[in-house]
Amino acid sequence: MRNKRIISVLIMVSLFLSIVTPTLAANVSSGKNSDKHGDGIGRVSVSTVPLPEYVILQDATYTYGGKVFVSYKTAEDLNTTDFFNFAMLNDDGTDFKVIFSGVIPLKENTGGIRYMPFQDNKRILLGDYVLECMPNLDKCNSTNLVPIVYPKSLDQDPGISRVWSEIIIAPDNKHMAWTILLSNYTAGQAIGVLSRKTDSYELENVQLLSTPEPFVNDPNKPGFIIPPTSSRGGEVKQFIKGGNALSVVGVKDNVTADSVVQDLTSDKVTQITRTPGYDETTIFSPDERLGMVMSTRFSKQTDPAIFGILPRPAYAGSGINGILYFYSVAGVRTFRSGDIGPALVDIDRSMNEPGYQGIQLSTDENWVFHSPMSWHPDGKSAMWIEGRRGLDDDLHKRLQKVNLLDYKPHKTIPIKPTTDNIPYATNDLTKLTSSSNGNVQGKIAGKKSGYIDYVNTTSPYLSGKSEAQYVNFSDDGVNVYNGYEKYNYNYLGESVYEANLQLTGKQPGEMNLRATFSSILGDTPARLLFDTAADGKPKSYGYATFKGTTLHIEDLLE
């Protein structure tokens, strides 16, 4: 568990150091849950998909044929390294048919194994391999495990810690996108064409969709720096818009994590979730009008909204998302009471309606959401994995399904060839590891007044610090920031976030708080500490307020 948690934090730190943007939040709300049946979705029914008693569930996903693909262990192979069982079944648990049992050697510098069905309903993308099923997944009589060959420049680059951490396949059955983790705790995205050869698949025409974009010196103002303009770089989750956009984890208008859509035909990045807490993944329905979201929004005592309620430049505070993941997600899975979804949302309302929450789909406080999420191709049901709280060991999972009893899906978004003409992409793969090392120091000028004196440093030992001093900082000439926020993190020790920040203008707000978190290791990772610090004050105290809502750190669990 120790190594697994360290790898997880490396992934989270890499991702959140790679998706910052200077945009200010325009609409932040901490509104309560909306009427479950007044948003056009209607009634829902949540149930557990029955599986044979000998099955130790690992993962599951809907396929394009409407059946369910499951990965599982049994008591006989539980301790056999890299041994996998795959089966197909109906989503009511019937017609369980084993299609593969055997060893699949996993590579050390990749993300393990994932399960992404091809639209042709004949193959499953596993990450390092493609599982081919003959004649198709529904009637699979034989399988073929075919390795994927990644570009050597990625596979052999010492600056890359994981060639991939997440993988997705486009509905054109050709284009594959993936997230790459770097050894300096940053990340990038890539896309390529998966081409079948005699005994392998090779990724061709590989392009980088994002690189760790550095702060640059302002040529017009000595001592000033210009922050990144891109918000691309988050973990890829799904191809949408017929295959010409990506659903990704991002930080755009909020400091805390949100879900965004990254267009492949233009520079456009669209924010999908807008809660001040922690929203990570949105998996869109076939008509792309609904979404399943991993979210802390229904968990008042573990939702880290206090860190995101006050709008401010994302680059100044988004580094805290790593420890917030371990507090509100990993901690909830291991020991802390709380909820991380999924939430069923109307996409348009999620994008545009402040305070919109959607429908809570978790039904038992003893069971906690795990990835992946997927939709039935008819758009009337979706499924996800849950694990037993306190037993985050991949041995106690169940398969959950929601049926949408009233919802009338629109037509499935038509499949289009995924474009290769991506305006911001580059074929120069060396740019992935030739960018910033993560250490930044300088002043960032407000567009209308003042500046932020900004420092960010990282170390190879899961520690670092950032500090933003706001001096009459304003991008619009109306809303003005003064004060500071500081974050000193040590994932193997204590991490401390402090803010004394005032926003004046049409919508005033304030942060005056300190939050101290324990190590991410052990049985109780990232505990919020309230004992007395060296200065005689509690290690965690204070509040944040905006738009008439005040949140207190003392209201969060432990």
Protein backbone atom coordinates (compact mmCIF):
# COMPACT_ATOMS: atom_id res chain seq x y z
CA MET A 1 0.00 0.00 0.00
CA ARG A 2 2.89 2.40 0.72
CA ASN A 3 4.33 2.14 -2.79
CA LYS A 4 0.88 2.34 -4.33
CA ARG A 5 0.11 5.55 -2.44
CA ILE A 6 3.46 7.13 -3.35
CA ILE A 7 2.82 6.34 -7.03
CA SER A 8 -0.66 7.84 -6.70
CA VAL A 9 0.65 11.08 -5.27
CA LEU A 10 3.27 11.29 -8.01
CA ILE A 11 0.46 11.05 -10.53
CA MET A 12 -1.68 13.68 -8.81
CA VAL A 13 1.22 16.12 -8.33
CA SER A 14 2.25 15.68 -11.96
CA LEU A 15 -1.24 16.37 -13.23
CA PHE A 16 -1.99 19.41 -11.12
CA LEU A 17 1.35 21.04 -11.89
CA SER A 18 0.50 20.72 -15.56
CA ILE A 19 -3.01 22.18 -15.86
CA VAL A 20 -2.75 25.67 -14.41
CA THR A 21 -4.15 28.74 -16.11
CA PRO A 22 -4.24 32.41 -15.12
CA THR A 23 -7.95 32.82 -15.75
CA LEU A 24 -10.00 34.15 -12.82
CA ALA A 25 -13.16 32.43 -11.69
CA ALA A 26 -16.26 34.23 -12.88
CA ASN A 27 -18.95 32.10 -11.25
CA VAL A 28 -18.30 30.22 -8.02
CA SER A 29 -21.09 28.91 -5.85
CA SER A 30 -21.56 26.52 -2.99
CA GLY A 31 -25.28 26.11 -3.49
CA LYS A 32 -27.16 23.13 -2.11
CA ASN A 33 -28.32 20.04 -3.96
CA SER A 34 -30.93 20.72 -6.62
CA ASP A 35 -34.28 18.98 -6.90
CA LYS A 36 -33.43 15.51 -8.11
CA HIS A 37 -36.49 15.25 -10.33
CA GLY A 38 -36.74 18.83 -11.60
CA ASP A 39 -33.80 18.89 -14.00
CA GLY A 40 -35.05 16.89 -16.96
CA ILE A 41 -33.36 13.67 -15.89
CA GLY A 42 -36.31 12.31 -13.92
CA ARG A 43 -36.41 9.24 -11.72
CA VAL A 44 -33.40 6.95 -11.38
CA SER A 45 -32.95 3.49 -9.93
CA VAL A 46 -29.59 2.31 -8.55
CA SER A 47 -28.83 -1.39 -8.15
CA THR A 48 -25.91 -3.80 -7.74
CA VAL A 49 -25.11 -6.09 -10.66
CA PRO A 50 -24.93 -9.68 -9.36
CA LEU A 51 -21.75 -11.63 -10.12
CA PRO A 52 -20.77 -15.26 -9.47
CA GLU A 53 -19.66 -15.85 -5.87
CA TYR A 54 -16.12 -16.82 -6.89
CA VAL A 55 -15.54 -13.53 -8.72
CA ILE A 56 -13.32 -10.96 -6.97
CA LEU A 57 -14.20 -7.92 -9.04
CA GLN A 58 -11.42 -5.64 -10.26
CA ASP A 59 -12.93 -3.46 -13.01
CA ALA A 60 -15.88 -3.35 -15.38
CA THR A 61 -17.17 -1.29 -18.27
CA TYR A 62 -20.01 -1.21 -20.74
CA THR A 63 -19.03 -2.10 -24.30
CA TYR A 64 -20.39 -0.57 -27.49
CA GLY A 65 -22.49 -3.71 -27.93
CA GLY A 66 -24.32 -3.05 -24.67
CA LYS A 67 -22.80 -5.93 -22.74
CA VAL A 68 -20.44 -5.62 -19.77
CA PHE A 69 -16.73 -6.45 -19.81
CA VAL A 70 -15.34 -7.40 -16.39
CA SER A 71 -11.86 -8.02 -15.05
CA TYR A 72 -11.68 -10.21 -11.96
CA LYS A 73 -9.59 -12.40 -9.70
CA THR A 74 -10.38 -15.72 -8.06
CA ALA A 75 -9.05 -17.35 -4.89
CA GLU A 76 -6.91 -19.65 -7.03
CA ASP A 77 -5.05 -16.89 -8.91
CA LEU A 78 -5.20 -14.09 -6.35
CA ASN A 79 -1.48 -14.21 -5.57
CA THR A 80 -0.27 -14.98 -9.10
CA THR A 81 1.61 -11.97 -10.46
CA ASP A 82 0.00 -10.26 -13.46
CA PHE A 83 -2.75 -12.88 -13.75
CA PHE A 84 -6.05 -11.64 -15.18
CA ASN A 85 -9.50 -13.06 -15.88
CA PHE A 86 -11.87 -11.36 -18.32
CA ALA A 87 -15.53 -12.12 -18.88
CA MET A 88 -18.55 -10.77 -20.73
CA LEU A 89 -22.06 -10.63 -19.26
CA ASN A 90 -25.38 -8.85 -19.50
CA ASP A 91 -25.89 -5.86 -17.22
CA ASP A 92 -28.43 -7.82 -15.15
CA GLY A 93 -25.68 -10.32 -14.26
CA THR A 94 -26.85 -13.10 -16.59
CA ASP A 95 -24.92 -14.93 -19.31
CA PHE A 96 -21.53 -14.70 -17.57
CA LYS A 97 -18.93 -16.00 -20.05
CA VAL A 98 -15.17 -16.17 -19.45
CA ILE A 99 -13.21 -14.99 -22.49
CA PHE A 100 -9.64 -14.85 -21.13
CA SER A 101 -7.60 -16.19 -18.22
CA GLY A 102 -3.85 -15.87 -18.07
CA VAL A 103 -0.77 -13.80 -17.38
CA ILE A 104 -0.42 -10.37 -18.99
CA PRO A 105 3.10 -9.08 -18.25
CA LEU A 106 2.90 -5.46 -17.09
CA LYS A 107 5.66 -2.92 -17.67
CA GLU A 108 7.24 -0.97 -14.85
CA ASN A 109 7.18 2.44 -16.54
CA THR A 110 3.51 2.46 -17.53
CA GLY A 111 0.16 2.78 -15.78
CA GLY A 112 -0.60 -0.90 -15.31
CA ILE A 113 -3.76 -1.93 -17.10
CA ARG A 114 -6.94 -0.14 -18.19
CA TYR A 115 -10.02 -1.30 -20.10
CA MET A 116 -11.22 0.85 -23.00
CA PRO A 117 -13.57 -0.85 -25.51
CA PHE A 118 -13.20 -0.11 -29.21
CA GLN A 119 -16.29 1.10 -31.04
CA ASP A 120 -16.02 -1.90 -33.42
CA ASN A 121 -16.96 -4.12 -30.44
CA LYS A 122 -14.11 -6.49 -31.26
CA ARG A 123 -11.24 -5.17 -29.13
CA ILE A 124 -10.32 -3.79 -25.70
CA LEU A 125 -7.48 -1.29 -25.28
CA LEU A 126 -5.47 -2.32 -22.21
CA GLY A 127 -2.66 0.25 -22.31
CA ASP A 128 0.35 -1.91 -23.16
CA TYR A 129 -1.73 -4.31 -25.22
CA VAL A 130 -4.87 -4.67 -27.31
CA LEU A 131 -7.10 -7.63 -26.55
CA GLU A 132 -8.64 -8.85 -29.81
CA CYS A 133 -11.77 -11.02 -29.60
CA MET A 134 -12.99 -13.24 -32.44
CA PRO A 135 -15.51 -12.85 -33.96
CA ASN A 136 -16.45 -10.05 -31.52
CA LEU A 137 -16.78 -9.29 -27.81
CA ASP A 138 -20.38 -10.47 -27.61
CA LYS A 139 -19.62 -13.90 -29.12
CA CYS A 140 -15.97 -14.21 -28.21
CA ASN A 141 -14.61 -17.71 -28.95
CA SER A 142 -10.90 -16.86 -29.03
CA THR A 143 -8.63 -13.99 -28.05
CA ASN A 144 -5.33 -12.54 -29.17
CA LEU A 145 -3.17 -10.34 -26.95
CA VAL A 146 -1.23 -7.90 -29.14
CA PRO A 147 1.45 -5.57 -27.68
CA ILE A 148 1.47 -1.83 -28.37
CA VAL A 149 4.71 -0.21 -29.47
CA TYR A 150 5.12 3.35 -28.18
CA PRO A 151 7.62 5.77 -29.75
CA LYS A 152 11.15 4.92 -28.56
CA SER A 153 11.77 8.56 -27.71
CA LEU A 154 9.07 8.29 -25.05
CA ASP A 155 9.84 4.78 -23.89
CA GLN A 156 13.54 5.48 -23.36
CA ASP A 157 13.46 9.07 -22.14
CA PRO A 158 14.90 9.29 -18.59
CA GLY A 159 12.77 12.39 -18.03
CA ILE A 160 9.60 10.32 -18.30
CA SER A 161 8.44 8.38 -15.23
CA ARG A 162 5.31 6.86 -16.83
CA VAL A 163 4.91 6.48 -20.60
CA TRP A 164 1.18 6.47 -19.89
CA SER A 165 -1.02 6.85 -16.82
CA GLU A 166 -4.39 6.95 -18.59
CA ILE A 167 -5.35 5.82 -22.10
CA ILE A 168 -8.46 6.32 -24.25
CA ILE A 169 -9.47 5.19 -27.74
CA ALA A 170 -11.46 7.32 -30.20
CA PRO A 171 -14.72 6.06 -31.75
CA ASP A 172 -12.98 5.95 -35.15
CA ASN A 173 -11.11 2.89 -33.76
CA LYS A 174 -7.79 4.45 -34.75
CA HIS A 175 -6.79 7.43 -32.65
CA MET A 176 -5.51 6.87 -29.15
CA ALA A 177 -4.78 9.58 -26.58
CA TRP A 178 -2.85 9.18 -23.36
CA THR A 179 -1.37 11.07 -20.43
CA ILE A 180 2.42 10.99 -19.87
CA LEU A 181 3.99 11.59 -16.46
CA LEU A 182 7.39 13.22 -16.16
CA SER A 183 10.05 12.76 -13.50
CA ASN A 184 9.90 16.47 -12.57
CA TYR A 185 6.28 16.06 -11.40
CA THR A 186 4.72 17.55 -14.53
CA ALA A 187 2.74 15.84 -17.26
CA GLY A 188 1.77 15.98 -20.89
CA GLN A 189 -0.79 14.60 -23.29
CA ALA A 190 -0.22 12.78 -26.56
CA ILE A 191 -2.31 11.46 -29.42
CA GLY A 192 -1.43 9.02 -32.17
CA VAL A 193 -2.83 6.59 -34.71
CA LEU A 194 -2.93 2.97 -33.57
CA SER A 195 -1.84 0.90 -36.57
CA ARG A 196 -2.07 -2.92 -36.68
CA LYS A 197 1.11 -4.63 -37.84
CA THR A 198 1.91 -8.33 -38.19
CA ASP A 199 2.53 -8.98 -34.50
CA SER A 200 1.95 -5.62 -32.82
CA TYR A 201 0.17 -2.30 -32.85
CA GLU A 202 2.35 0.72 -33.48
CA LEU A 203 1.53 4.30 -32.58
CA GLU A 204 2.11 6.46 -35.65
CA ASN A 205 1.87 10.19 -36.29
CA VAL A 206 2.27 10.82 -32.57
CA GLN A 207 1.69 14.41 -31.52
CA LEU A 208 1.97 16.14 -28.17
CA LEU A 209 -1.29 17.84 -27.19
CA SER A 210 0.29 19.57 -24.23
CA THR A 211 3.68 20.11 -22.69
CA PRO A 212 4.62 21.56 -19.31
CA GLU A 213 4.26 25.18 -20.39
CA PRO A 214 6.71 27.32 -18.43
CA PHE A 215 6.40 30.80 -17.01
CA VAL A 216 8.43 33.12 -19.24
CA ASN A 217 10.20 36.41 -18.54
CA ASP A 218 8.18 39.48 -19.46
CA PRO A 219 10.24 41.22 -22.19
CA ASN A 220 8.67 44.58 -21.34
CA LYS A 221 9.05 44.46 -17.56
CA PRO A 222 12.34 43.35 -16.00
CA GLY A 223 11.74 41.14 -12.96
CA PHE A 224 8.23 40.21 -14.12
CA ILE A 225 7.10 36.89 -15.53
CA ILE A 226 4.17 35.87 -17.73
CA PRO A 227 2.13 32.85 -16.54
CA PRO A 228 1.09 30.01 -18.86
CA THR A 229 -1.84 30.75 -21.13
CA SER A 230 -2.87 27.14 -21.66
CA SER A 231 -5.15 25.06 -19.48
CA ARG A 232 -4.45 21.86 -21.41
CA GLY A 233 -2.54 19.02 -19.81
CA GLY A 234 -4.96 17.23 -17.49
CA GLU A 235 -5.54 13.49 -17.37
CA VAL A 236 -7.47 12.28 -20.43
CA LYS A 237 -10.75 10.50 -19.71
CA GLN A 238 -12.92 10.20 -22.84
CA PHE A 239 -13.17 11.14 -26.52
CA ILE A 240 -16.35 13.16 -27.17
CA LYS A 241 -17.88 15.27 -29.97
CA GLY A 242 -17.68 12.29 -32.29
CA GLY A 243 -13.98 11.89 -31.53
CA ASN A 244 -12.79 15.49 -31.90
CA ALA A 245 -12.63 16.63 -28.28
CA LEU A 246 -11.43 15.21 -24.98
CA SER A 247 -12.99 15.12 -21.53
CA VAL A 248 -10.07 15.79 -19.17
CA VAL A 249 -9.27 16.67 -15.58
CA GLY A 250 -8.50 20.37 -15.40
CA VAL A 251 -8.12 23.61 -13.54
CA LYS A 252 -9.62 26.50 -15.46
CA ASP A 253 -11.82 29.06 -13.72
CA ASN A 254 -11.42 27.57 -10.22
CA VAL A 255 -8.36 26.86 -8.10
CA THR A 256 -9.74 23.45 -7.13
CA ALA A 257 -9.99 20.63 -9.68
CA ASP A 258 -12.77 20.60 -12.25
CA SER A 259 -13.71 18.70 -15.38
CA VAL A 260 -13.09 20.41 -18.72
CA VAL A 261 -13.50 19.66 -22.42
CA GLN A 262 -10.45 20.19 -24.61
CA ASP A 263 -11.29 20.67 -28.29
CA LEU A 264 -9.05 19.05 -30.90
CA THR A 265 -10.09 21.25 -33.82
CA SER A 266 -9.50 24.59 -32.06
CA ASP A 267 -7.83 26.10 -29.00
CA LYS A 268 -11.11 26.06 -27.08
CA VAL A 269 -11.22 24.69 -23.52
CA THR A 270 -14.67 24.53 -21.89
CA GLN A 271 -15.31 24.14 -18.18
CA ILE A 272 -17.95 21.48 -17.41
CA THR A 273 -18.13 21.47 -13.61
CA ARG A 274 -18.13 24.60 -11.46
CA THR A 275 -18.35 23.52 -7.84
CA PRO A 276 -15.75 25.03 -5.46
CA GLY A 277 -14.86 21.54 -4.21
CA TYR A 278 -13.13 18.65 -5.96
CA ASP A 279 -14.57 17.47 -9.31
CA GLU A 280 -12.29 15.27 -11.35
CA THR A 281 -13.83 13.17 -14.12
CA THR A 282 -16.87 13.58 -16.36
CA ILE A 283 -17.93 10.66 -18.56
CA PHE A 284 -20.49 11.88 -21.10
CA SER A 285 -23.62 9.99 -22.16
CA PRO A 286 -23.92 8.91 -25.82
CA ASP A 287 -26.00 12.02 -26.61
CA GLU A 288 -23.58 14.12 -24.52
CA ARG A 289 -26.44 15.82 -22.66
CA LEU A 290 -25.72 14.04 -19.36
CA GLY A 291 -22.57 13.20 -17.47
CA MET A 292 -21.32 11.01 -14.64
CA VAL A 293 -18.96 13.01 -12.43
CA MET A 294 -16.52 11.98 -9.73
CA SER A 295 -17.18 14.68 -7.13
CA THR A 296 -17.06 15.62 -3.45
CA ARG A 297 -20.09 17.92 -3.79
CA PHE A 298 -22.44 15.75 -1.70
CA SER A 299 -19.99 15.34 1.18
CA LYS A 300 -20.24 18.44 3.35
CA GLN A 301 -17.71 17.27 5.94
CA THR A 302 -15.01 16.32 3.40
CA ASP A 303 -15.75 18.63 0.46
CA PRO A 304 -12.72 20.99 0.19
CA ALA A 305 -14.85 23.88 -1.08
CA ILE A 306 -13.25 26.23 1.47
CA PHE A 307 -10.12 26.23 -0.72
CA GLY A 308 -11.99 27.05 -3.93
CA ILE A 309 -14.88 29.29 -2.93
CA LEU A 310 -12.90 32.53 -3.40
CA PRO A 311 -12.09 33.08 -7.10
CA ARG A 312 -8.45 33.86 -7.81
CA PRO A 313 -5.75 33.02 -10.37
CA ALA A 314 -5.47 29.25 -10.60
CA TYR A 315 -1.69 29.21 -10.84
CA ALA A 316 -1.45 30.82 -7.39
CA GLY A 317 -3.27 28.10 -5.50
CA SER A 318 -3.89 24.98 -7.57
CA GLY A 319 -0.83 23.18 -6.18
CA ILE A 320 -2.92 22.25 -3.17
CA ASN A 321 -5.05 19.87 -5.27
CA GLY A 322 -2.58 17.04 -4.66
CA ILE A 323 -3.16 16.95 -0.92
CA LEU A 324 -6.89 17.66 -1.41
CA TYR A 325 -7.09 14.49 -3.50
CA PHE A 326 -5.62 12.50 -0.63
CA TYR A 327 -7.86 14.16 1.93
CA SER A 328 -11.19 14.05 0.08
CA VAL A 329 -10.74 11.03 -2.21
CA ALA A 330 -8.04 8.60 -1.03
CA GLY A 331 -8.82 9.30 2.63
CA VAL A 332 -12.53 8.69 2.08
CA ARG A 333 -11.75 5.38 0.43
CA THR A 334 -9.49 4.24 3.26
CA PHE A 335 -11.01 5.47 6.52
CA ARG A 336 -12.78 8.84 6.48
CA SER A 337 -16.59 9.10 6.28
CA GLY A 338 -17.56 10.94 3.12
CA ASP A 339 -18.75 10.72 -0.46
CA ILE A 340 -16.94 11.09 -3.81
CA GLY A 341 -19.82 10.39 -6.15
CA PRO A 342 -20.69 9.72 -8.71
CA ALA A 343 -23.01 12.59 -9.45
CA LEU A 344 -25.38 12.39 -12.41
CA VAL A 345 -25.61 15.81 -14.04
CA ASP A 346 -27.28 17.65 -16.86
CA ILE A 347 -24.26 18.98 -18.78
CA ASP A 348 -25.80 22.31 -19.75
CA ARG A 349 -26.90 23.05 -16.19
CA SER A 350 -23.55 21.95 -14.82
CA MET A 351 -21.81 24.41 -17.13
CA ASN A 352 -24.10 27.37 -16.70
CA GLU A 353 -26.14 27.22 -13.49
CA PRO A 354 -24.40 28.35 -10.29
CA GLY A 355 -25.06 25.96 -7.43
CA TYR A 356 -26.28 23.11 -9.61
CA GLN A 357 -25.49 19.73 -8.01
CA GLY A 358 -27.26 17.01 -10.00
CA ILE A 359 -28.29 13.65 -8.55
CA GLN A 360 -26.32 11.76 -5.93
CA LEU A 361 -25.92 8.10 -6.96
CA SER A 362 -24.12 6.64 -3.95
CA THR A 363 -26.56 4.68 -1.79
CA ASP A 364 -24.55 3.19 1.10
CA GLU A 365 -22.05 5.08 3.27
CA ASN A 366 -19.97 1.91 3.62
CA TRP A 367 -19.28 1.79 -0.12
CA VAL A 368 -17.20 4.39 -2.00
CA PHE A 369 -16.85 5.24 -5.68
CA HIS A 370 -13.97 3.82 -7.74
CA SER A 371 -13.27 4.23 -11.44
CA PRO A 372 -14.20 3.51 -14.15
CA MET A 373 -17.58 4.93 -15.15
CA SER A 374 -19.28 4.01 -18.42
CA TRP A 375 -22.57 4.36 -20.30
CA HIS A 376 -24.77 1.82 -22.06
CA PRO A 377 -24.90 2.76 -25.76
CA ASP A 378 -28.66 3.43 -25.50
CA GLY A 379 -28.01 6.23 -22.98
CA LYS A 380 -30.55 4.87 -20.50
CA SER A 381 -28.14 3.37 -17.97
CA ALA A 382 -24.61 3.80 -16.66
CA MET A 383 -22.32 1.88 -14.32
CA TRP A 384 -19.35 2.31 -12.02
CA ILE A 385 -17.31 0.48 -9.41
CA GLU A 386 -17.56 0.89 -5.64
CA GLY A 387 -15.13 -0.34 -3.00
CA ARG A 388 -15.73 -1.12 0.64
CA ARG A 389 -14.61 1.83 2.79
CA GLY A 390 -11.53 1.00 4.84
CA LEU A 391 -10.60 -1.90 2.55
CA ASP A 392 -8.87 -0.09 -0.30
CA ASP A 393 -7.20 -3.32 -1.43
CA ASP A 394 -8.91 -4.23 -4.74
CA LEU A 395 -10.46 -7.25 -3.05
CA HIS A 396 -13.79 -5.80 -1.93
CA LYS A 397 -15.57 -4.19 -4.85
CA ARG A 398 -19.04 -4.23 -6.31
CA LEU A 399 -20.54 -3.20 -9.65
CA GLN A 400 -23.23 -0.51 -9.50
CA LYS A 401 -25.72 0.44 -12.20
CA VAL A 402 -28.15 3.33 -12.55
CA ASN A 403 -31.21 3.05 -14.75
CA LEU A 404 -32.74 6.32 -15.98
CA LEU A 405 -36.45 5.56 -15.74
CA ASP A 406 -37.84 8.72 -17.34
CA TYR A 407 -35.02 10.19 -19.39
CA LYS A 408 -35.49 10.20 -23.16
CA PRO A 409 -32.06 10.23 -24.81
CA HIS A 410 -31.42 12.25 -27.93
CA LYS A 411 -29.60 10.75 -30.88
CA THR A 412 -26.08 9.51 -30.24
CA ILE A 413 -23.46 12.01 -31.39
CA PRO A 414 -22.34 10.87 -34.87
CA ILE A 415 -18.86 9.40 -35.17
CA LYS A 416 -16.41 11.45 -37.21
CA PRO A 417 -12.80 10.75 -38.13
CA THR A 418 -10.60 12.24 -35.42
CA THR A 419 -8.63 15.12 -36.84
CA ASP A 420 -4.86 15.04 -37.23
CA ASN A 421 -4.78 18.80 -37.81
CA ILE A 422 -4.75 19.92 -34.18
CA PRO A 423 -3.79 23.62 -34.04
CA TYR A 424 -1.80 23.44 -30.81
CA ALA A 425 -0.19 20.00 -31.29
CA THR A 426 3.42 19.30 -32.20
CA ASN A 427 5.23 16.30 -33.65
CA ASP A 428 8.41 17.32 -31.79
CA LEU A 429 8.30 14.88 -28.89
CA THR A 430 11.47 16.32 -27.38
CA LYS A 431 9.46 19.32 -26.21
CA LEU A 432 7.90 17.12 -23.57
CA THR A 433 10.98 17.02 -21.38
CA SER A 434 12.75 20.21 -22.47
CA SER A 435 10.36 22.60 -20.75
CA SER A 436 10.16 24.04 -17.23
CA ASN A 437 11.60 22.26 -14.19
CA GLY A 438 8.76 23.58 -12.05
CA ASN A 439 10.79 26.24 -10.20
CA VAL A 440 9.45 29.77 -10.73
CA GLN A 441 10.14 33.18 -9.20
CA GLY A 442 9.00 36.64 -10.28
CA LYS A 443 6.23 39.20 -10.29
CA ILE A 444 3.07 38.76 -12.34
CA ALA A 445 1.48 42.03 -13.42
CA GLY A 446 -2.26 42.52 -13.13
CA LYS A 447 -3.88 43.53 -16.41
CA LYS A 448 -5.25 46.68 -14.78
CA SER A 449 -3.22 47.21 -11.61
CA GLY A 450 -0.77 45.76 -9.12
CA TYR A 451 1.04 42.45 -9.20
CA ILE A 452 1.50 39.05 -7.60
CA ASP A 453 4.94 38.25 -6.23
CA TYR A 454 5.07 34.52 -6.99
CA VAL A 455 7.50 31.77 -5.97
CA ASN A 456 7.17 28.05 -6.63
CA THR A 457 9.79 25.38 -5.95
CA THR A 458 9.66 21.59 -6.15
CA SER A 459 12.02 18.88 -4.95
CA PRO A 460 12.46 15.22 -5.94
CA TYR A 461 11.42 14.15 -2.45
CA LEU A 462 7.68 14.79 -2.62
CA SER A 463 8.02 18.24 -1.12
CA GLY A 464 8.06 21.85 -2.21
CA LYS A 465 6.49 25.23 -1.62
CA SER A 466 4.65 28.04 -3.32
CA GLU A 467 3.83 31.56 -2.22
CA ALA A 468 1.73 34.28 -3.83
CA GLN A 469 1.83 37.81 -2.39
CA TYR A 470 -0.99 39.94 -3.87
CA VAL A 471 -0.37 43.69 -4.05
CA ASN A 472 -3.39 45.65 -5.37
CA PHE A 473 -3.68 42.93 -8.02
CA SER A 474 -6.53 43.37 -10.50
CA ASP A 475 -7.21 42.00 -13.96
CA ASP A 476 -10.47 43.91 -14.49
CA GLY A 477 -9.99 47.16 -12.60
CA VAL A 478 -12.98 46.34 -10.39
CA ASN A 479 -11.98 43.36 -8.24
CA VAL A 480 -8.74 43.93 -6.33
CA TYR A 481 -6.70 41.40 -4.31
CA ASN A 482 -4.37 42.02 -1.39
CA GLY A 483 -2.73 39.56 0.95
CA TYR A 484 -1.09 36.20 0.49
CA GLU A 485 -1.50 32.47 0.18
CA LYS A 486 1.30 30.03 0.98
CA TYR A 487 1.62 26.30 0.60
CA ASN A 488 4.50 24.27 2.04
CA TYR A 489 4.01 20.60 1.29
CA ASN A 490 5.79 17.46 2.38
CA TYR A 491 3.78 14.41 1.43
CA LEU A 492 5.86 12.22 3.72
CA GLY A 493 5.46 14.62 6.65
CA GLU A 494 3.10 17.58 7.15
CA SER A 495 1.73 19.92 4.50
CA VAL A 496 0.58 23.42 5.47
CA TYR A 497 -1.60 25.81 3.48
CA GLU A 498 -2.08 29.37 4.76
CA ALA A 499 -4.08 32.26 3.34
CA ASN A 500 -4.76 35.82 4.44
CA LEU A 501 -6.31 37.24 1.32
CA GLN A 502 -8.87 39.99 0.78
CA LEU A 503 -10.91 40.59 -2.38
CA THR A 504 -12.55 44.01 -2.69
CA GLY A 505 -14.90 45.19 -5.40
CA LYS A 506 -18.44 44.36 -6.53
CA GLN A 507 -18.30 40.90 -4.94
CA PRO A 508 -15.96 41.08 -1.93
CA GLY A 509 -14.56 38.00 -0.28
CA GLU A 510 -11.87 36.84 2.07
CA MET A 511 -9.70 33.88 3.05
CA ASN A 512 -8.20 33.80 6.53
CA LEU A 513 -7.21 30.25 7.32
CA ARG A 514 -4.54 27.67 7.93
CA ALA A 515 -4.86 23.98 7.09
CA THR A 516 -2.31 21.39 8.14
CA PHE A 517 -2.42 17.87 6.72
CA SER A 518 -0.55 14.78 7.89
CA SER A 519 1.46 12.42 5.69
CA ILE A 520 -0.26 10.63 2.84
CA LEU A 521 1.12 7.33 4.16
CA GLY A 522 -0.29 5.00 6.80
CA ASP A 523 -3.82 3.85 7.53
CA THR A 524 -5.18 7.41 7.90
CA PRO A 525 -3.67 9.45 5.03
CA ALA A 526 -3.83 13.24 4.86
CA ARG A 527 -5.54 13.82 8.19
CA LEU A 528 -6.52 17.41 8.89
CA LEU A 529 -4.64 18.33 12.08
CA PHE A 530 -6.09 20.55 14.81
CA ASP A 531 -3.59 20.14 17.66
CA THR A 532 -1.52 23.12 18.80
CA ALA A 533 1.24 24.38 16.51
CA ALA A 534 4.52 26.03 17.55
CA ASP A 535 2.91 29.48 17.40
CA GLY A 536 0.33 28.48 20.03
CA LYS A 537 -2.53 28.41 17.53
CA PRO A 538 -4.30 25.30 16.20
CA LYS A 539 -2.55 23.73 13.24
CA SER A 540 -5.81 24.24 11.32
CA TYR A 541 -8.21 27.14 11.80
CA GLY A 542 -10.07 29.89 9.97
CA TYR A 543 -12.60 30.53 7.22
CA ALA A 544 -13.25 31.62 3.65
CA THR A 545 -16.19 33.74 2.53
CA PHE A 546 -17.64 34.78 -0.83
CA LYS A 547 -21.10 35.72 -2.18
CA GLY A 548 -22.71 35.46 1.25
CA THR A 549 -21.38 31.97 2.00
CA THR A 550 -18.83 31.42 4.77
CA LEU A 551 -17.07 28.09 5.21
CA HIS A 552 -15.02 27.13 8.29
CA ILE A 553 -12.10 24.71 8.32
CA GLU A 554 -13.33 23.36 11.66
CA ASP A 555 -16.41 21.96 9.90
CA LEU A 556 -14.27 19.49 7.95
CA LEU A 557 -13.66 16.03 9.37
CA GLU A 558 -10.96 15.48 11.85
